[in-house]
Protein backbone atom coordinates (compact mmCIF):
# COMPACT_ATOMS: atom_id res chain seq x y z
CA UNK A 1 99.07 114.38 124.01
CA UNK A 2 95.78 113.57 125.73
CA UNK A 3 93.33 111.00 124.41
CA UNK A 4 90.97 113.24 122.41
CA UNK A 5 93.64 115.14 120.44
CA UNK A 6 95.45 111.89 119.63
CA UNK A 7 92.19 110.32 118.43
CA UNK A 8 91.33 113.34 116.29
CA UNK A 9 94.79 113.50 114.70
CA UNK A 10 94.71 109.74 114.03
CA UNK A 11 91.24 109.84 112.43
CA UNK A 12 91.53 113.11 110.50
CA UNK A 13 93.73 111.92 107.59
CA UNK A 14 91.36 109.10 106.66
CA UNK A 15 88.31 111.37 106.79
CA UNK A 16 90.07 114.11 104.79
CA UNK A 17 91.25 111.73 102.07
CA UNK A 18 87.82 110.08 101.81
CA UNK A 19 86.20 113.51 101.45
CA UNK A 20 88.70 114.44 98.75
CA UNK A 21 88.04 111.37 96.60
CA UNK A 22 84.29 111.52 97.23
CA UNK A 23 84.18 115.11 95.94
CA UNK A 24 86.14 114.09 92.83
CA UNK A 25 83.02 112.29 91.54
CA UNK A 26 81.97 114.76 88.85
CA UNK A 27 78.65 113.43 87.64
CA UNK A 28 76.69 111.41 90.20
CA UNK A 29 77.98 111.43 93.81
CA UNK A 30 77.35 108.19 95.67
CA UNK A 31 74.91 107.89 98.60
CA UNK A 32 76.85 109.02 101.67
CA UNK A 33 75.22 106.28 103.73
CA UNK A 34 76.64 103.61 101.41
CA UNK A 35 80.11 105.19 101.40
CA UNK A 36 80.08 105.32 105.21
CA UNK A 37 78.94 101.70 105.28
CA UNK A 38 82.03 100.69 103.30
CA UNK A 39 84.20 102.82 105.58
CA UNK A 40 82.72 101.09 108.65
CA UNK A 41 83.21 97.63 107.16
CA UNK A 42 86.79 98.64 106.39
CA UNK A 43 87.19 99.39 110.09
CA UNK A 44 85.71 96.02 111.07
CA UNK A 45 87.91 93.88 108.82
CA UNK A 46 90.97 95.06 110.75
CA UNK A 47 90.22 92.45 113.42
CA UNK A 48 90.09 89.30 111.25
CA UNK A 49 93.09 90.60 109.30
CA UNK A 50 95.12 90.97 112.50
CA UNK A 51 94.21 87.45 113.63
CA UNK A 52 95.08 85.90 110.26
CA UNK A 53 98.33 87.83 109.98
CA UNK A 54 99.34 86.71 113.46
CA UNK A 55 98.69 83.07 112.51
CA UNK A 56 100.63 83.42 109.25
CA UNK A 57 103.62 84.95 111.02
CA UNK A 58 103.64 81.95 113.35
CA UNK A 59 103.49 79.55 110.42
CA UNK A 60 105.61 81.28 107.77
CA UNK A 61 108.05 83.27 109.87
CA UNK A 62 109.12 86.86 109.24
CA UNK A 63 111.16 86.71 106.07
CA UNK A 64 110.99 90.33 104.79
CA UNK A 65 109.74 89.42 101.32
CA UNK A 66 107.11 86.92 102.48
CA UNK A 67 106.00 89.20 105.29
CA UNK A 68 105.54 92.30 103.12
CA UNK A 69 104.09 90.73 99.97
CA UNK A 70 102.05 87.89 101.47
CA UNK A 71 101.29 88.43 105.16
CA UNK A 72 100.94 92.21 105.08
CA UNK A 73 99.87 93.38 101.62
CA UNK A 74 98.42 90.06 100.42
CA UNK A 75 96.08 89.55 103.35
CA UNK A 76 95.06 93.20 103.75
CA UNK A 77 94.34 93.86 100.08
CA UNK A 78 92.48 90.57 99.65
CA UNK A 79 90.12 91.39 102.54
CA UNK A 80 89.53 94.89 101.19
CA UNK A 81 88.93 93.53 97.68
CA UNK A 82 86.54 90.86 99.00
CA UNK A 83 84.63 93.53 100.91
CA UNK A 84 84.14 95.86 97.94
CA UNK A 85 83.48 93.11 95.39
CA UNK A 86 80.80 91.27 97.35
CA UNK A 87 79.08 94.31 98.85
CA UNK A 88 79.19 96.79 96.00
CA UNK A 89 80.18 95.37 92.61
CA UNK A 90 76.61 94.38 91.65
CA UNK A 91 74.88 97.17 93.60
CA UNK A 92 72.65 99.49 91.58
CA UNK A 93 74.45 102.54 92.98
CA UNK A 94 77.64 101.39 91.25
CA UNK A 95 76.54 102.98 87.97
CA UNK A 96 79.73 104.57 86.58
CA UNK A 97 83.44 103.62 86.56
CA UNK A 98 84.51 106.22 89.13
CA UNK A 99 82.18 104.70 91.73
CA UNK A 100 84.59 101.79 92.09
CA UNK A 101 87.25 104.25 93.26
CA UNK A 102 84.93 105.89 95.80
CA UNK A 103 83.89 102.59 97.38
CA UNK A 104 87.32 100.97 97.32
CA UNK A 105 88.92 104.07 98.85
CA UNK A 106 86.19 104.16 101.52
CA UNK A 107 86.91 100.57 102.54
CA UNK A 108 90.67 101.11 102.41
CA UNK A 109 90.53 104.26 104.51
CA UNK A 110 88.24 102.65 107.08
CA UNK A 111 90.92 99.99 107.49
CA UNK A 112 93.75 102.54 107.54
CA UNK A 113 91.98 104.76 110.06
CA UNK A 114 91.54 102.10 112.73
CA UNK A 115 95.07 100.85 112.06
CA UNK A 116 96.29 104.42 112.61
CA UNK A 117 94.32 104.77 115.85
CA UNK A 118 95.82 101.53 117.18
CA UNK A 119 99.30 102.69 116.24
CA UNK A 120 98.80 106.07 117.88
CA UNK A 121 97.68 104.70 121.23
CA UNK A 122 99.90 101.63 121.39
CA UNK A 123 103.07 103.53 120.49
CA UNK A 124 102.42 106.82 122.28
CA UNK A 125 102.91 108.68 119.01
CA UNK A 126 103.75 112.37 118.83
CA UNK A 127 101.97 114.83 116.55
CA UNK A 128 104.87 114.78 114.05
CA UNK A 129 104.86 110.98 113.93
CA UNK A 130 101.13 110.95 113.20
CA UNK A 131 101.63 113.50 110.43
CA UNK A 132 104.24 111.25 108.83
CA UNK A 133 101.80 108.34 109.05
CA UNK A 134 99.13 110.51 107.40
CA UNK A 135 101.49 111.13 104.47
CA UNK A 136 102.68 107.53 104.22
CA UNK A 137 100.58 104.55 105.43
CA UNK A 138 97.19 106.27 105.45
CA UNK A 139 97.56 107.91 102.05
CA UNK A 140 99.21 104.72 100.81
CA UNK A 141 96.06 102.76 101.61
CA UNK A 142 94.07 105.39 99.71
CA UNK A 143 96.34 104.99 96.65
CA UNK A 144 95.95 101.21 96.74
CA UNK A 145 92.19 101.75 96.99
CA UNK A 146 92.26 103.93 93.87
CA UNK A 147 94.04 101.17 91.94
CA UNK A 148 91.56 98.57 93.14
CA UNK A 149 88.50 100.70 92.48
CA UNK A 150 89.64 101.84 89.04
CA UNK A 151 89.98 98.28 87.79
CA UNK A 152 86.74 97.18 89.47
CA UNK A 153 85.05 99.99 87.55
CA UNK A 154 86.67 98.85 84.32
CA UNK A 155 85.63 95.25 85.05
CA UNK A 156 81.99 96.24 85.51
CA UNK A 157 81.66 98.56 82.53
CA UNK A 158 83.84 96.71 80.02
CA UNK A 159 82.47 93.17 80.50
CA UNK A 160 84.53 91.78 77.61
CA UNK A 161 87.63 92.53 79.72
CA UNK A 162 86.07 91.79 83.11
CA UNK A 163 88.37 88.90 84.04
CA UNK A 164 91.50 90.88 83.22
CA UNK A 165 90.43 93.91 85.27
CA UNK A 166 89.15 91.86 88.20
CA UNK A 167 92.56 90.21 88.37
CA UNK A 168 94.34 93.59 88.17
CA UNK A 169 92.02 95.04 90.83
CA UNK A 170 93.51 92.56 93.31
CA UNK A 171 97.07 92.00 92.09
CA UNK A 172 98.10 95.63 91.52
CA UNK A 173 97.20 96.79 95.07
CA UNK A 174 98.96 93.74 96.52
CA UNK A 175 102.08 94.44 94.45
CA UNK A 176 102.35 98.17 95.20
CA UNK A 177 101.41 97.70 98.86
CA UNK A 178 104.15 95.08 99.05
CA UNK A 179 106.65 97.45 97.42
CA UNK A 180 105.64 100.15 99.91
CA UNK A 181 106.04 97.89 102.95
CA UNK A 182 109.24 96.27 101.71
CA UNK A 183 110.83 99.66 101.05
CA UNK A 184 110.06 100.85 104.57
CA UNK A 185 111.30 97.60 106.06
CA UNK A 186 114.68 97.40 104.34
CA UNK A 187 115.61 101.10 104.14
CA UNK A 188 115.19 102.04 107.78
CA UNK A 189 117.89 104.73 108.02
CA UNK A 190 117.41 106.34 104.59
CA UNK A 191 113.78 105.50 103.77
CA UNK A 192 112.91 109.08 102.81
CA UNK A 193 115.05 108.90 99.65
CA UNK A 194 112.94 106.01 98.41
CA UNK A 195 109.53 106.85 99.84
CA UNK A 196 109.26 110.39 98.46
CA UNK A 197 109.67 109.27 94.81
CA UNK A 198 107.44 106.23 95.41
CA UNK A 199 104.62 108.25 96.98
CA UNK A 200 104.92 110.93 94.30
CA UNK A 201 104.55 108.24 91.64
CA UNK A 202 101.57 106.63 93.39
CA UNK A 203 99.81 109.99 93.82
CA UNK A 204 100.37 111.04 90.20
CA UNK A 205 99.23 107.64 88.96
CA UNK A 206 96.14 107.76 91.19
CA UNK A 207 95.15 111.25 90.05
CA UNK A 208 95.50 110.12 86.45
CA UNK A 209 93.24 107.13 87.15
CA UNK A 210 90.70 109.43 88.82
CA UNK A 211 90.63 111.64 85.74
CA UNK A 212 90.42 108.67 83.40
CA UNK A 213 87.61 106.99 85.36
CA UNK A 214 85.55 110.20 85.30
CA UNK A 215 86.18 110.56 81.57
CA UNK A 216 84.71 107.08 80.97
CA UNK A 217 81.47 107.81 82.85
CA UNK A 218 78.32 107.00 80.83
CA UNK A 219 76.72 109.93 82.66
CA UNK A 220 79.20 112.36 81.13
CA UNK A 221 77.26 112.80 77.87
CA UNK A 222 73.96 113.39 79.69
CA UNK A 223 75.68 115.92 81.94
CA UNK A 224 77.09 117.79 78.93
CA UNK A 225 73.72 117.79 77.18
CA UNK A 226 72.07 119.30 80.25
CA UNK A 227 74.68 122.07 80.32
CA UNK A 228 74.04 122.82 76.64
CA UNK A 229 70.27 123.10 77.26
CA UNK A 230 70.88 125.48 80.16
């Protein structure tokens, strides 16, 4: 494959998934410029993450458990969480629970997209290999973003439980990302038997969180009242 088709195939899954979750916002879609800003920052944090992960591998070694749950998922999800929390959590545009999902998914998919581009060019990937990556790592990052964003939304709009949900917004993505990476690492020959149920579970859980976050929107009542008036 030549450069342009490889680039398009590597970028397309992230853009498609971001569009999907953006359009799932039922009541007050977020400013596209702000969503793209999070996506771009997600791209940029790939570089410090790579440097830190390289240093941690040198210091901690490559024990499968430590590598997947600390060096890979721990570092990546912390940087993504830090990005969304400090850029968006107190922003005025974050005005309903589902917004947390939109922004966290944008940051996660920015990260996943550049990671996918690097993989495609460094490994000379075929079209079928890139499709598998679209269904696994790229969509996996989106699912972890949904978890993170859902609990950030709960933290902002249920202040009495803010500490609990802020903790979950970081620990749950780290845990499930670690499970994802560990499964791929230790089941090399028969990974499909584990990954299909895992991804099905993560997708179903994410769609449920999307529905639940929309149902908790304070804008829902106003939206319904407008429909009644019409």
